[in-house]
Every structure is written in C-alpha cells, then in structure tokens.
Protein backbone atom coordinates (compact mmCIF):
# COMPACT_ATOMS: atom_id res chain seq x y z
CA MET A 1 0.08 0.30 -0.13
CA LEU A 2 2.48 2.14 0.85
CA SER A 3 4.55 1.61 -2.10
CA ILE A 4 1.22 2.84 -4.39
CA LEU A 5 0.81 6.08 -2.16
CA SER A 6 4.99 6.90 -2.54
CA GLY A 7 4.73 6.09 -6.50
CA GLY A 8 5.82 9.62 -7.93
CA LEU A 9 6.42 10.39 -5.12
CA PRO A 10 10.39 11.76 -3.99
CA SER A 11 11.80 9.90 -1.12
CA GLN A 12 12.10 12.80 1.34
CA LEU A 13 8.46 14.11 0.89
CA PHE A 14 6.52 10.61 1.81
CA ALA A 15 9.13 10.10 4.71
CA ALA A 16 8.24 14.06 5.75
CA ILE A 17 4.31 12.93 5.25
CA VAL A 18 4.78 9.37 7.61
CA LEU A 19 6.49 11.75 9.72
CA LEU A 20 3.50 14.36 10.04
CA GLY A 21 0.71 11.03 10.32
CA GLU A 22 2.62 10.13 13.45
CA TYR A 23 3.00 13.30 14.77
CA LEU A 24 -0.98 14.10 14.28
CA PHE A 25 -1.56 10.96 15.67
CA LEU A 26 0.58 10.87 18.87
CA LEU A 27 -0.98 14.11 19.14
CA LEU A 28 -4.74 13.06 18.82
CA VAL A 29 -3.64 10.15 21.97
CA ASN A 30 -2.17 12.94 24.08
CA PHE A 31 -5.71 14.95 22.92
CA VAL A 32 -7.95 11.86 24.18
CA SER A 33 -5.60 11.42 27.61
CA PHE A 34 -5.84 14.82 28.30
CA ALA A 35 -10.16 14.84 27.98
CA VAL A 36 -10.40 11.78 29.75
CA ALA A 37 -8.48 12.54 32.46
CA ILE A 38 -10.58 15.81 32.62
CA SER A 39 -13.49 14.11 32.88
CA LEU A 40 -12.37 11.98 35.24
CA LEU A 41 -11.27 15.10 37.62
CA THR A 42 -14.80 16.24 36.90
CA ILE A 43 -16.89 13.69 37.72
CA LYS A 44 -14.78 12.82 41.69
CA ARG A 45 -14.88 16.71 42.05
CA ASN A 46 -18.64 16.23 41.80
CA ASN A 47 -18.57 13.27 43.94
CA ASP A 48 -16.69 15.20 46.73
CA ILE A 49 -19.33 18.28 45.99
CA ILE A 50 -22.46 16.06 46.72
CA ARG A 51 -19.96 14.20 49.73
CA PHE A 52 -19.74 17.28 51.45
CA ALA A 53 -23.01 18.82 50.67
CA LYS A 54 -24.10 15.71 52.54
CA ILE A 55 -21.19 16.35 55.29
CA GLU A 56 -22.98 20.26 55.58
CA LYS A 57 -26.54 18.91 55.80
CA ARG A 58 -25.75 16.48 58.35
CA ASP A 59 -24.02 19.58 60.34
CA ILE A 60 -26.99 21.67 59.99
CA MET A 61 -29.74 18.65 60.80
CA SER A 62 -27.53 17.80 64.15
CA GLU A 63 -27.97 20.08 67.06
CA TYR A 64 -25.20 20.56 69.86
CA TRP A 65 -25.99 19.47 73.60
CA LEU A 66 -23.26 20.06 76.30
CA ILE A 67 -24.56 18.02 79.34
CA PRO A 68 -23.39 17.38 82.84
CA MET A 69 -21.46 14.16 84.06
CA ASP A 70 -20.67 13.65 87.60
CA PHE A 71 -17.41 12.03 88.11
CA LEU A 72 -17.87 11.07 91.87
CA VAL A 73 -21.53 9.52 91.03
CA CYS A 74 -20.75 8.06 87.21
CA ASN A 75 -20.00 4.28 87.21
CA PHE A 76 -17.35 4.18 84.86
CA ASP A 77 -16.47 0.51 85.70
CA LYS A 78 -20.27 -0.04 84.50
CA LEU A 79 -20.20 2.18 81.31
CA GLN A 80 -16.59 0.81 80.56
CA LYS A 81 -18.45 -2.97 80.24
CA GLU A 82 -21.79 -1.62 78.81
CA TYR A 83 -19.46 0.18 76.23
CA ARG A 84 -17.50 -2.95 75.39
CA LYS A 85 -20.34 -5.13 75.13
CA ASN A 86 -22.58 -2.71 72.63
CA GLY A 87 -20.46 -0.13 71.27
CA LYS A 88 -22.97 2.48 73.11
CA ILE A 89 -24.16 3.61 76.48
CA MET A 90 -27.45 4.52 77.94
CA TRP A 91 -27.70 7.68 79.74
CA GLU A 92 -30.92 9.19 81.36
CA ILE A 93 -32.79 12.39 80.15
CA PRO A 94 -34.55 14.93 82.00
CA GLY A 95 -38.71 13.77 82.55
CA LYS A 96 -40.81 10.88 83.62
CA PRO A 97 -42.50 8.65 80.81
CA LYS A 98 -46.01 8.30 80.79
CA LYS A 99 -48.11 5.39 81.36
CA THR A 100 -50.24 4.65 78.33
CA GLN A 101 -51.92 1.47 77.11
CA GLN A 102 -49.57 0.47 74.91
CA GLY A 103 -46.55 1.06 77.65
CA PHE A 104 -44.52 3.99 77.67
CA SER A 105 -43.89 7.41 76.27
CA VAL A 106 -41.80 9.56 76.36
CA LYS A 107 -44.15 12.05 73.67
CA HIS A 108 -45.04 14.94 76.27
CA LEU A 109 -41.33 15.50 77.61
CA ILE A 110 -39.41 18.95 75.46
CA THR A 111 -36.23 16.60 75.89
CA ALA A 112 -37.64 14.06 74.10
CA THR A 113 -39.16 15.62 71.71
CA THR A 114 -36.05 18.12 70.77
CA ILE A 115 -32.69 15.07 70.94
CA LYS A 116 -32.41 13.25 68.33
CA PRO A 117 -30.61 10.58 66.50
CA GLY A 118 -27.54 11.78 64.99
CA ASP A 119 -27.19 14.54 67.51
CA ILE A 120 -24.06 15.89 69.00
CA ILE A 121 -23.30 15.29 73.22
CA PHE A 122 -21.08 17.00 74.95
CA PHE A 123 -19.82 15.60 78.50
CA TYR A 124 -19.23 18.41 81.36
CA VAL A 125 -17.82 16.10 83.75
CA CYS A 126 -17.60 17.88 87.51
CA ASN A 127 -16.43 16.70 90.57
CA ILE A 128 -13.07 15.71 88.51
CA PRO A 129 -9.52 15.06 90.79
CA THR A 130 -7.72 18.35 89.38
CA TYR A 131 -3.45 18.61 89.84
CA THR A 132 -3.52 21.78 91.10
CA SER A 133 -5.46 23.40 93.95
CA THR A 134 -5.97 26.53 90.96
CA SER A 135 -7.38 24.51 88.15
CA SER A 136 -11.17 23.93 87.80
CA LYS A 137 -12.85 21.08 88.93
CA ALA A 138 -15.07 20.54 85.87
CA ARG A 139 -14.14 19.86 82.33
CA ILE A 140 -15.51 18.99 78.97
CA LEU A 141 -13.93 15.02 78.68
CA LEU A 142 -16.17 13.10 76.39
CA ARG A 143 -17.81 13.71 73.07
CA GLY A 144 -20.49 11.39 71.50
CA GLU A 145 -23.46 10.87 69.23
CA VAL A 146 -26.55 10.13 69.92
CA TYR A 147 -27.58 6.50 68.29
CA ASP A 148 -31.89 6.27 68.87
CA ALA A 149 -34.11 8.54 69.77
CA PRO A 150 -35.46 8.59 73.17
CA HIS A 151 -37.38 6.31 75.10
CA ALA A 152 -38.66 4.36 78.25
CA VAL A 153 -36.24 2.75 80.04
CA LEU A 154 -35.70 0.42 83.20
CA ARG A 155 -33.64 2.53 85.31
CA GLN A 156 -32.16 -0.86 86.48
CA ASP A 157 -29.78 -0.70 82.53
CA VAL A 158 -28.68 2.36 83.42
CA TYR A 159 -27.40 2.40 86.57
CA VAL A 160 -25.71 -0.29 88.54
CA HIS A 161 -27.98 -2.76 90.88
CA ASP A 162 -26.78 -1.03 94.23
CA GLU A 163 -28.77 2.35 93.34
CA ILE A 164 -31.68 1.43 92.41
CA ASP A 165 -32.35 -1.09 95.61
CA ASN A 166 -35.65 1.12 96.50
CA HIS A 167 -36.34 1.78 92.93
CA GLY A 168 -38.14 -1.84 91.65
CA ASP A 169 -39.64 -1.70 88.43
CA ASP A 170 -38.37 2.17 88.43
CA TRP A 171 -39.11 3.74 84.08
CA ILE A 172 -37.09 6.18 82.99
CA SER A 173 -36.46 8.13 80.21
CA GLY A 174 -33.07 7.38 78.31
CA ILE A 175 -31.10 7.10 75.29
CA SER A 176 -27.85 5.93 73.87
CA ILE A 177 -24.93 7.22 73.21
CA SER A 178 -21.96 5.65 70.61
CA ASN A 179 -18.75 6.67 68.96
CA LEU A 180 -17.68 8.71 72.15
CA THR A 181 -14.04 10.23 72.03
CA THR A 182 -11.66 11.78 74.30
CA LEU A 183 -8.98 14.23 74.00
CA THR A 184 -4.92 13.49 73.42
CA LYS A 185 -3.68 11.94 76.66
CA LYS A 186 -1.44 15.43 76.40
CA GLU A 187 -4.55 17.87 76.49
CA LEU A 188 -5.97 15.49 79.40
CA GLU A 189 -3.61 16.12 81.35
CA ASP A 190 -3.26 19.67 81.36
CA ASP A 191 -6.67 20.74 83.66
CA ARG A 192 -7.13 23.82 81.73
CA VAL A 193 -8.06 22.32 78.78
CA PHE A 194 -11.96 22.97 78.54
CA SER A 195 -12.49 23.77 82.39
CA ARG A 196 -15.21 25.25 83.88
CA LYS A 197 -12.72 28.80 83.37
CA TRP A 198 -12.20 28.49 79.66
CA LEU A 199 -15.96 28.33 79.36
CA GLN A 200 -16.41 31.46 81.68
CA GLU A 201 -13.98 33.00 79.24
CA ASN A 202 -15.73 32.08 76.15
CA GLU A 203 -19.69 33.25 78.14
CA GLN A 204 -20.87 29.79 77.73
CA ASP A 205 -23.11 28.58 79.97
CA THR A 206 -22.55 24.73 81.94
CA PRO A 207 -25.58 22.78 82.54
CA GLN A 208 -27.02 22.76 85.64
CA GLY A 209 -29.58 19.96 86.99
CA LYS A 210 -32.17 19.57 83.76
CA ASN A 211 -30.77 22.32 81.96
CA TRP A 212 -28.85 21.33 79.26
CA PRO A 213 -27.36 24.26 77.15
CA ASN A 214 -28.31 22.97 73.12
CA THR A 215 -28.12 24.53 69.98
CA TYR A 216 -31.89 24.49 69.49
CA ASN A 217 -32.48 26.99 71.84
CA ASN A 218 -29.49 28.70 70.84
CA ASN A 219 -27.20 28.46 73.85
CA PHE A 220 -24.70 26.68 73.11
CA LYS A 221 -22.46 28.73 70.79
CA LYS A 222 -21.20 28.15 67.47
CA GLY A 223 -17.67 29.65 68.58
CA VAL A 224 -17.29 26.80 72.00
CA ILE A 225 -18.64 24.53 69.51
CA LYS A 226 -16.04 24.85 66.83
CA GLU A 227 -13.09 24.57 68.89
CA LEU A 228 -14.32 21.43 70.58
CA GLU A 229 -15.04 19.73 67.80
CA SER A 230 -11.64 20.62 66.47
CA LYS A 231 -10.12 18.58 69.39
CA PHE A 232 -12.16 15.90 69.43
CA LYS A 233 -12.66 15.17 65.97
CA THR A 234 -9.07 14.87 65.47
CA ALA A 235 -8.86 13.07 68.43
CA GLY A 236 -11.04 10.45 66.78
CA ILE A 237 -11.06 6.37 67.23
CA ASP A 238 -7.55 6.88 68.37
CA HIS A 239 -8.74 8.41 71.45
CA ASP A 240 -11.94 6.23 72.77
CA PHE A 241 -13.69 5.97 75.83
CA TYR A 242 -10.75 3.81 77.50
CA ASP A 243 -8.75 6.48 77.23
CA LEU A 244 -10.29 8.56 79.07
CA ILE A 245 -10.91 5.34 82.25
CA LYS A 246 -7.30 4.98 82.15
CA HIS A 247 -6.99 9.02 82.54
CA PHE A 248 -8.48 8.47 85.54
CA ASN A 249 -7.12 5.22 87.02
CA LYS A 250 -3.94 6.71 88.38
CA GLN A 251 -0.86 4.21 89.93
CA CYS A 252 1.17 5.48 93.10
CA PHE A 253 4.30 7.08 91.76
CA PHE A 254 5.90 5.12 94.18
CA SER A 255 4.57 1.43 93.13
CA GLY A 256 7.02 -0.72 91.46
CA LYS A 257 9.78 1.61 93.09
CA LEU A 258 9.59 1.63 97.01
CA GLY A 259 8.15 -1.62 98.42
CA PRO A 260 6.22 -4.72 97.28
CA LYS A 261 2.65 -3.90 95.67
CA SER A 262 1.20 -4.95 99.04
CA HIS A 263 2.26 -0.81 100.08
CA HIS A 264 0.12 0.91 97.03
CA LEU A 265 -3.18 -0.39 97.49
CA THR A 266 -5.83 1.10 96.56
CA PHE A 267 -9.76 0.67 96.60
CA LYS A 268 -12.17 1.55 93.79
CA ARG A 269 -14.34 4.92 94.04
CA ARG A 270 -18.14 4.28 94.27
CA ASN A 271 -17.72 5.62 90.29
CA GLY A 272 -15.50 2.78 89.92
CA THR A 273 -12.04 4.03 89.62
CA ASP A 274 -9.73 4.27 91.12
CA TYR A 275 -8.93 6.34 94.45
CA TYR A 276 -5.43 8.48 94.51
CA GLU A 277 -4.45 11.76 96.33
CA ILE A 278 -2.72 14.35 94.81
CA HIS A 279 0.93 15.68 96.96
CA HIS A 280 3.16 18.51 95.96
CA PHE A 281 6.14 17.20 95.63
CA ILE A 282 7.42 20.78 96.52
CA GLN A 283 4.92 21.41 98.83
CA GLN A 284 2.20 24.39 98.47
CA HIS A 285 3.24 26.35 102.03
CA SER A 286 6.78 26.77 100.50
CA SER A 287 4.99 29.29 98.13
CA GLN A 288 3.53 31.15 100.67
CA LYS A 289 7.17 32.18 101.88
CA ALA A 290 8.45 32.51 98.44
CA ASP A 291 6.49 33.44 95.67
CA GLU A 292 8.77 32.85 93.15
CA LEU A 293 8.00 29.33 94.30
CA SER A 294 4.24 29.05 93.01
CA SER A 295 5.21 28.66 89.40
CA ILE A 296 6.75 25.65 90.78
CA VAL A 297 4.71 24.71 93.42
CA TYR A 298 0.91 24.53 91.31
CA SER A 299 3.27 23.07 88.03
CA GLU A 300 2.22 19.47 86.53
CA GLU A 301 4.99 17.86 87.12
CA ASN A 302 4.70 18.95 90.78
CA CYS A 303 1.85 17.25 91.65
CA ILE A 304 2.33 13.35 91.89
CA CYS A 305 -0.37 10.50 92.45
CA LEU A 306 0.47 8.69 95.22
CA CYS A 307 -2.18 5.86 97.33
CA SER A 308 -3.50 6.75 100.54
CA ASN A 309 -0.19 5.05 102.25
CA CYS A 310 1.97 6.62 100.66
CA HIS A 311 0.97 10.17 101.00
CA ASN A 312 0.58 10.55 104.94
CA LYS A 313 4.05 8.22 105.06
CA LEU A 314 5.35 11.55 103.41
CA HIS A 315 3.44 14.00 106.20
CA TYR A 316 3.39 11.76 109.01
CA GLY A 317 5.99 8.41 108.13
CA ASP A 318 9.49 7.80 109.83
CA PRO A 319 11.85 10.31 108.73
CA ILE A 320 14.53 7.78 107.02
CA GLU A 321 11.77 6.35 104.55
CA ILE A 322 10.34 10.16 104.29
CA ASN A 323 14.11 11.03 102.62
CA LEU A 324 14.03 7.60 100.66
CA MET A 325 11.30 8.90 98.73
CA LEU A 326 12.26 12.02 98.32
CA GLU A 327 15.48 11.16 97.14
CA GLU A 328 13.09 8.93 94.46
CA LEU A 329 10.79 12.14 93.23
CA TRP A 330 13.81 13.89 93.03
CA ASN A 331 15.68 11.77 90.46
CA ASP A 332 12.95 11.31 88.46
CA PRO A 333 13.49 12.23 85.24
CA GLN A 334 9.97 14.87 84.34
CA ILE A 335 10.38 16.52 88.07
CA ARG A 336 14.69 17.15 87.47
CA ASP A 337 13.49 19.04 83.74
CA MET A 338 10.44 21.25 85.99
CA LEU A 339 12.99 21.97 88.53
CA GLN A 340 15.19 23.05 86.14
CA ARG A 341 13.27 25.32 83.91
CA ASN A 342 12.15 26.72 86.57
CA ASN A 343 15.47 27.69 88.23
CA PHE A 344 14.66 25.93 91.50
CA LYS A 345 17.80 25.83 92.93
CA GLY A 346 18.69 29.73 92.33
CA LYS A 347 15.46 30.67 93.70
CA ILE A 348 16.07 28.80 97.04
CA GLY A 349 20.02 29.49 96.91
CA ALA A 350 21.33 26.10 96.63
CA ALA A 351 24.94 26.04 94.74
CA ASP A 352 24.35 22.40 93.57
CA ASP A 353 21.55 19.71 93.42
CA ASP A 354 23.14 17.77 96.79
CA GLU A 355 22.37 21.56 98.37
CA ALA A 356 18.82 21.85 96.68
CA LEU A 357 17.68 18.24 98.06
CA SER A 358 19.04 18.89 101.41
CA TRP A 359 16.86 22.00 101.22
CA ILE A 360 13.69 20.20 99.92
CA LYS A 361 14.52 17.40 102.80
CA CYS A 362 15.09 20.50 105.66
CA VAL A 363 11.48 21.40 104.55
CA TYR A 364 9.54 18.20 105.49
CA ARG A 365 11.74 17.86 108.62
CA SER A 366 10.39 20.56 109.65
CA ASN A 367 6.51 20.34 108.89
CA LEU A 368 7.67 16.91 111.06
CA ASP A 369 9.07 18.61 113.65
CA ARG A 370 5.80 21.33 113.62
CA GLN A 371 3.55 18.38 114.00
CA LYS A 372 5.46 17.23 116.68
CA LYS A 373 5.20 20.47 118.36
CA ASP A 374 1.50 20.57 117.71
CA ASN A 375 0.58 16.99 119.05
CA ASP A 376 2.98 18.12 122.43
CA ASN A 377 0.49 20.92 123.15
CA ILE A 378 -2.25 18.57 122.80
C-alpha cells in the first residue's frame, strides 16, 4: 500500500508525510488522554461536592448538647463494660415517661421531642480530681453521638444495681450514645483544657440540673462548638472512651519503685475508678514563704499521684523513709526537668543538687517537727 501511495513521490517528501502522520497521531492520543483525565477529575469533584453537601446537611440537621456528668456519682466501670459489650452507653434524660395503654411514652417531654439520633453530645464532667488547687474542677472530657430516639427504659438498665434497691421496676427516659471519643493524653493531663474557666471566658453557660445548653435553644455557642469539634474530631478513634478511663485510673508514683505492691494498695471509688490522692513534691506552704516558687508548686510535674499509704507516710512517716521517698522523687526525669526549667536551685539559693535536695528534706523535716510540737501541746 505504501509503495502505491509513494509512487511518483520523492522519497524525502514521502518521509516527511509519514513523520507528520505520526506526530498527528501522538497529538490525538495526548488529546484523548487529557480529555479523559478532565472527565475523571470532574466526576471526582462532583462526587466530593455531593459528599461535602451531605456532611454539611448532616451538620445543619444535628443539634449539639452540653450535658452534665458527675465524676463522683457516675459509674465508669459499668459504662466501660457496657460500651465494650454494646458499642454504646445508656444515658438518662430529664423527665419521667408517661404510662399509656401501649406501654410507656416520652412524647410529652420537651427534651424527648428535641434530642434525636445523630445529635452530638459533649459531657461536662464535674467534681473531677485536679492536679492543682487553682485549676477548675469541671471539664468537657467526652464526646458522643445520639444513637437512638429517646424512649422509656428501666432504671436498672442505666444505673448499677446498688443504686436501684429502692426503685424496683422504675421507668425513666433514656437515650443510647455511641462513638465516644476523648482528648489526647497531653490534653487530658492539662486541667486548663475545656475547663469551667475556659467556658466562662467564652461566655458559655454550663449545664445545671435539667438545663442542658443546646443549639436548638441557641444557648450552646457556635464558637465553643467549633473549638470542641476541632479537638475531639482530631482525636478520633485513637482516643476513645477507654483512654479516658485509663486517665482516671492513676497508679501510685512509688508503685514498683519502693516497697512491695502490697504497700501501694488502693480501692475502687463509688464511680468504679481507682482512688488516689494528689501530693505537691515542692509543698504548697513553700510558695507562701517565697512567691517565686508558686510556678513550681502548682506546675503539673510537681503534683504527684499517690496511694493513701504513701501520701500519709510523706506527711507523718519515719524521717528515714521520707528521705528515701524524696530522693526517688528528686531523681524523676520529669520532675528534674521541671525544676531546672524554673530555676529551682537559683530561687532557693542552692549551689548544687545536693544542697537543693537538703533544702527539700529540711522543709519536710520542719513539717514533722511542727506536727510533733502541735501534738505535744494537745
């Protein structure tokens, strides 16, 4: 065929025509590839628009609620087992169900007609142990999503049995809450994050009794919600309900360091978490004598979690044992780093580590002497 087409044409001209044909063919292939790529990007963009529209629609439809959780009363051990078994927890909402011919109904309750599946719940946990005397005792620590519509439920399905002895088959109004997430470990350890003080600074009301701030009533501020969502959504499933329980269950600082485990026994609080006490290594009265030590006394690293036995031993124990405990605390890397950052030795006028540790031991020893003197005067 080429021989017929090339008949009568100079060889150089024929070669040029063939080369031009190849160039046009490659140009066509590239054009088709470009067109296909544009089409695929358009489809992806349209899908993204649809997907984001669904998210925005869901966010618009979802209400946000700020509800109370009392650390001292709420049974976290039960909630943890319930969440592990069902992937959700039951929670009581304000108002009693009404008995009807078909059973029990909650349709007459205001909360039951406003809260719905898909709504977002933030738990405002009050009465939580704090590291310092200046930080808030209430914080927002948990986020969840309403799983089902409000309905009548037996009290025993929500609360532990020792709390229902006087209620029998009492019916209450409840919802299920799923997808529980908490903050990162660093944020959980910082009592300032989403504290009562933070809410006050943002002019956000806190939940009181049956009054739960929510977007339906326009008393849960959008700016506060935006900040909360940025933290809890970032945490995601990597920081779930179990991380919060782990945060609440502190171990004694000296467990595994001084004495057998039997010396560091604790007990379960009413709420199902391990009991512990907070001790200030550089003691609080030190800051009253020297204002420049306040930043050290109330720093996070200076607040130590102890069992009752060790805490009381540091205050009332044998001086030799107290000195061993103080040396263990002094050699802790985090404590040493905190003291160095805050120029502890300079503030107390110590020339070296030995002199600084002696100063600390002297403070504890003077406390014991003062206690002995008080006892002698009784």
